[in-house]
Amino acid sequence: MTKFGELINLDIPVLIDFYFEWDKTGNNPHDVLRHVVAALGDKAKVIKIDIEKNEVLADALKVKANPTFIIYKGGTMKWRQSGEMDANTLISLVEQYA
């Protein structure tokens, strides 16, 4: 697997969704991210990271809520928020850093 530093050190925005797979809320976060990926195309990279399978990374970034979204560009964190978000909001946020 690619190291985290390599994933976030891109010249395009990188949206990361830290999530717990076992969370079964009424909303389907996978559908939201599919819309985000389709809308952004090559302008950004979208990555899902399972908190349970990546506890060390989640702890290092102090990820406590499900989901937690973080946008990086050029290796620098640009934005971060926890809680459910709709696709249009995420698309707008990522486009600010494109």
C-alpha atoms as a PDB file:
ATOM      1  CA  MET A   1       0.000   0.000   0.000  1.00  0.00           C
ATOM      2  CA  THR A   2       1.112   3.503  -0.736  1.00  0.00           C
ATOM      3  CA  LYS A   3       2.368   5.501   2.211  1.00  0.00           C
ATOM      4  CA  PHE A   4       0.062   8.224   3.488  1.00  0.00           C
ATOM      5  CA  GLY A   5       2.595  10.986   2.778  1.00  0.00           C
ATOM      6  CA  GLU A   6       2.688   9.996  -0.881  1.00  0.00           C
ATOM      7  CA  LEU A   7      -1.125  10.001  -1.068  1.00  0.00           C
ATOM      8  CA  ILE A   8      -1.500  13.536   0.246  1.00  0.00           C
ATOM      9  CA  ASN A   9       1.512  15.108  -1.446  1.00  0.00           C
ATOM     10  CA  LEU A  10      -0.194  15.812  -4.776  1.00  0.00           C
ATOM     11  CA  ASP A  11      -0.658  19.064  -6.697  1.00  0.00           C
ATOM     12  CA  ILE A  12      -4.411  18.418  -6.825  1.00  0.00           C
ATOM     13  CA  PRO A  13      -6.739  18.376  -3.806  1.00  0.00           C
ATOM     14  CA  VAL A  14      -7.018  15.045  -2.000  1.00  0.00           C
ATOM     15  CA  LEU A  15     -10.308  14.458  -0.164  1.00  0.00           C
ATOM     16  CA  ILE A  16     -10.002  11.771   2.489  1.00  0.00           C
ATOM     17  CA  ASP A  17     -13.009  10.158   4.125  1.00  0.00           C
ATOM     18  CA  PHE A  18     -12.126   8.472   7.415  1.00  0.00           C
ATOM     19  CA  TYR A  19     -15.001   6.116   8.228  1.00  0.00           C
ATOM     20  CA  PHE A  20     -16.055   3.097  10.287  1.00  0.00           C
ATOM     21  CA  GLU A  21     -17.304   0.300   8.020  1.00  0.00           C
ATOM     22  CA  TRP A  22     -19.705  -1.006  10.667  1.00  0.00           C
ATOM     23  CA  ASP A  23     -21.652   2.248  10.882  1.00  0.00           C
ATOM     24  CA  LYS A  24     -25.066   1.522   9.382  1.00  0.00           C
ATOM     25  CA  THR A  25     -26.817   4.898   9.315  1.00  0.00           C
ATOM     26  CA  GLY A  26     -29.703   5.657   6.983  1.00  0.00           C
ATOM     27  CA  ASN A  27     -27.429   7.579   4.602  1.00  0.00           C
ATOM     28  CA  ASN A  28     -25.085   5.722   2.297  1.00  0.00           C
ATOM     29  CA  PRO A  29     -21.751   7.576   2.370  1.00  0.00           C
ATOM     30  CA  HIS A  30     -20.484   5.431  -0.505  1.00  0.00           C
ATOM     31  CA  ASP A  31     -23.172   6.952  -2.773  1.00  0.00           C
ATOM     32  CA  VAL A  32     -22.180  10.468  -1.708  1.00  0.00           C
ATOM     33  CA  LEU A  33     -18.526   9.844  -2.559  1.00  0.00           C
ATOM     34  CA  ARG A  34     -19.428   8.251  -5.904  1.00  0.00           C
ATOM     35  CA  HIS A  35     -21.158  11.528  -6.845  1.00  0.00           C
ATOM     36  CA  VAL A  36     -18.136  13.521  -5.664  1.00  0.00           C
ATOM     37  CA  VAL A  37     -15.730  11.391  -7.715  1.00  0.00           C
ATOM     38  CA  ALA A  38     -17.945  11.621 -10.808  1.00  0.00           C
ATOM     39  CA  ALA A  39     -18.256  15.406 -10.526  1.00  0.00           C
ATOM     40  CA  LEU A  40     -14.582  16.135  -9.861  1.00  0.00           C
ATOM     41  CA  GLY A  41     -12.974  13.730 -12.320  1.00  0.00           C
ATOM     42  CA  ASP A  42      -9.240  14.425 -12.666  1.00  0.00           C
ATOM     43  CA  LYS A  43      -9.415  17.686 -10.675  1.00  0.00           C
ATOM     44  CA  ALA A  44      -9.086  15.850  -7.344  1.00  0.00           C
ATOM     45  CA  LYS A  45      -8.407  12.488  -5.740  1.00  0.00           C
ATOM     46  CA  VAL A  46     -10.889  10.909  -3.308  1.00  0.00           C
ATOM     47  CA  ILE A  47      -9.707   8.311  -0.804  1.00  0.00           C
ATOM     48  CA  LYS A  48     -11.663   6.300   1.762  1.00  0.00           C
ATOM     49  CA  ILE A  49      -9.784   5.097   4.842  1.00  0.00           C
ATOM     50  CA  ASP A  50     -11.357   2.616   7.253  1.00  0.00           C
ATOM     51  CA  ILE A  51     -10.565   3.879  10.766  1.00  0.00           C
ATOM     52  CA  GLU A  52     -10.671   0.386  12.258  1.00  0.00           C
ATOM     53  CA  LYS A  53      -8.093  -0.969   9.785  1.00  0.00           C
ATOM     54  CA  ASN A  54      -5.874   2.130  10.072  1.00  0.00           C
ATOM     55  CA  GLU A  55      -5.996   2.908  13.784  1.00  0.00           C
ATOM     56  CA  VAL A  56      -2.430   4.222  13.988  1.00  0.00           C
ATOM     57  CA  LEU A  57      -3.034   6.771  11.226  1.00  0.00           C
ATOM     58  CA  ALA A  58      -6.444   7.744  12.630  1.00  0.00           C
ATOM     59  CA  ASP A  59      -4.916   8.224  16.086  1.00  0.00           C
ATOM     60  CA  ALA A  60      -2.035  10.276  14.678  1.00  0.00           C
ATOM     61  CA  LEU A  61      -4.535  12.585  12.951  1.00  0.00           C
ATOM     62  CA  LYS A  62      -6.816  12.616  16.009  1.00  0.00           C
ATOM     63  CA  VAL A  63      -9.790  11.267  14.049  1.00  0.00           C
ATOM     64  CA  LYS A  64     -12.526  10.724  16.634  1.00  0.00           C
ATOM     65  CA  ALA A  65     -15.795  11.035  14.691  1.00  0.00           C
ATOM     66  CA  ASN A  66     -17.363   9.049  11.896  1.00  0.00           C
ATOM     67  CA  PRO A  67     -17.047  10.224   9.215  1.00  0.00           C
ATOM     68  CA  THR A  68     -14.205  12.724   9.256  1.00  0.00           C
ATOM     69  CA  PHE A  69     -13.378  14.468   5.992  1.00  0.00           C
ATOM     70  CA  ILE A  70      -9.976  16.071   5.375  1.00  0.00           C
ATOM     71  CA  ILE A  71      -8.706  17.908   2.296  1.00  0.00           C
ATOM     72  CA  TYR A  72      -4.964  17.989   1.605  1.00  0.00           C
ATOM     73  CA  LYS A  73      -3.075  19.699  -1.181  1.00  0.00           C
ATOM     74  CA  GLY A  74       0.667  19.545  -1.645  1.00  0.00           C
ATOM     75  CA  GLY A  75       0.991  17.629   1.621  1.00  0.00           C
ATOM     76  CA  THR A  76      -0.712  20.357   3.681  1.00  0.00           C
ATOM     77  CA  MET A  77      -4.064  19.981   5.396  1.00  0.00           C
ATOM     78  CA  LYS A  78      -6.377  22.657   3.983  1.00  0.00           C
ATOM     79  CA  TRP A  79      -9.724  21.757   5.558  1.00  0.00           C
ATOM     80  CA  ARG A  80     -11.217  19.283   8.018  1.00  0.00           C
ATOM     81  CA  GLN A  81     -14.690  18.510   9.349  1.00  0.00           C
ATOM     82  CA  SER A  82     -16.479  15.629  11.034  1.00  0.00           C
ATOM     83  CA  GLY A  83     -20.036  14.528  10.380  1.00  0.00           C
ATOM     84  CA  GLU A  84     -22.208  13.636   7.417  1.00  0.00           C
ATOM     85  CA  MET A  85     -22.022  15.941   4.392  1.00  0.00           C
ATOM     86  CA  ASP A  86     -23.855  15.972   1.091  1.00  0.00           C
ATOM     87  CA  ALA A  87     -22.084  15.542  -2.244  1.00  0.00           C
ATOM     88  CA  ASN A  88     -22.631  19.125  -3.453  1.00  0.00           C
ATOM     89  CA  THR A  89     -21.054  20.575  -0.315  1.00  0.00           C
ATOM     90  CA  LEU A  90     -18.020  18.292  -0.602  1.00  0.00           C
ATOM     91  CA  ILE A  91     -17.636  19.088  -4.312  1.00  0.00           C
ATOM     92  CA  SER A  92     -17.729  22.846  -3.615  1.00  0.00           C
ATOM     93  CA  LEU A  93     -15.179  22.532  -0.829  1.00  0.00           C
ATOM     94  CA  VAL A  94     -12.728  20.504  -2.929  1.00  0.00           C
ATOM     95  CA  GLU A  95     -13.112  22.872  -5.889  1.00  0.00           C
ATOM     96  CA  GLN A  96     -11.929  25.754  -3.687  1.00  0.00           C
ATOM     97  CA  TYR A  97      -8.489  24.102  -3.601  1.00  0.00           C
ATOM     98  CA  ALA A  98      -8.331  22.922  -7.228  1.00  0.00           C
END
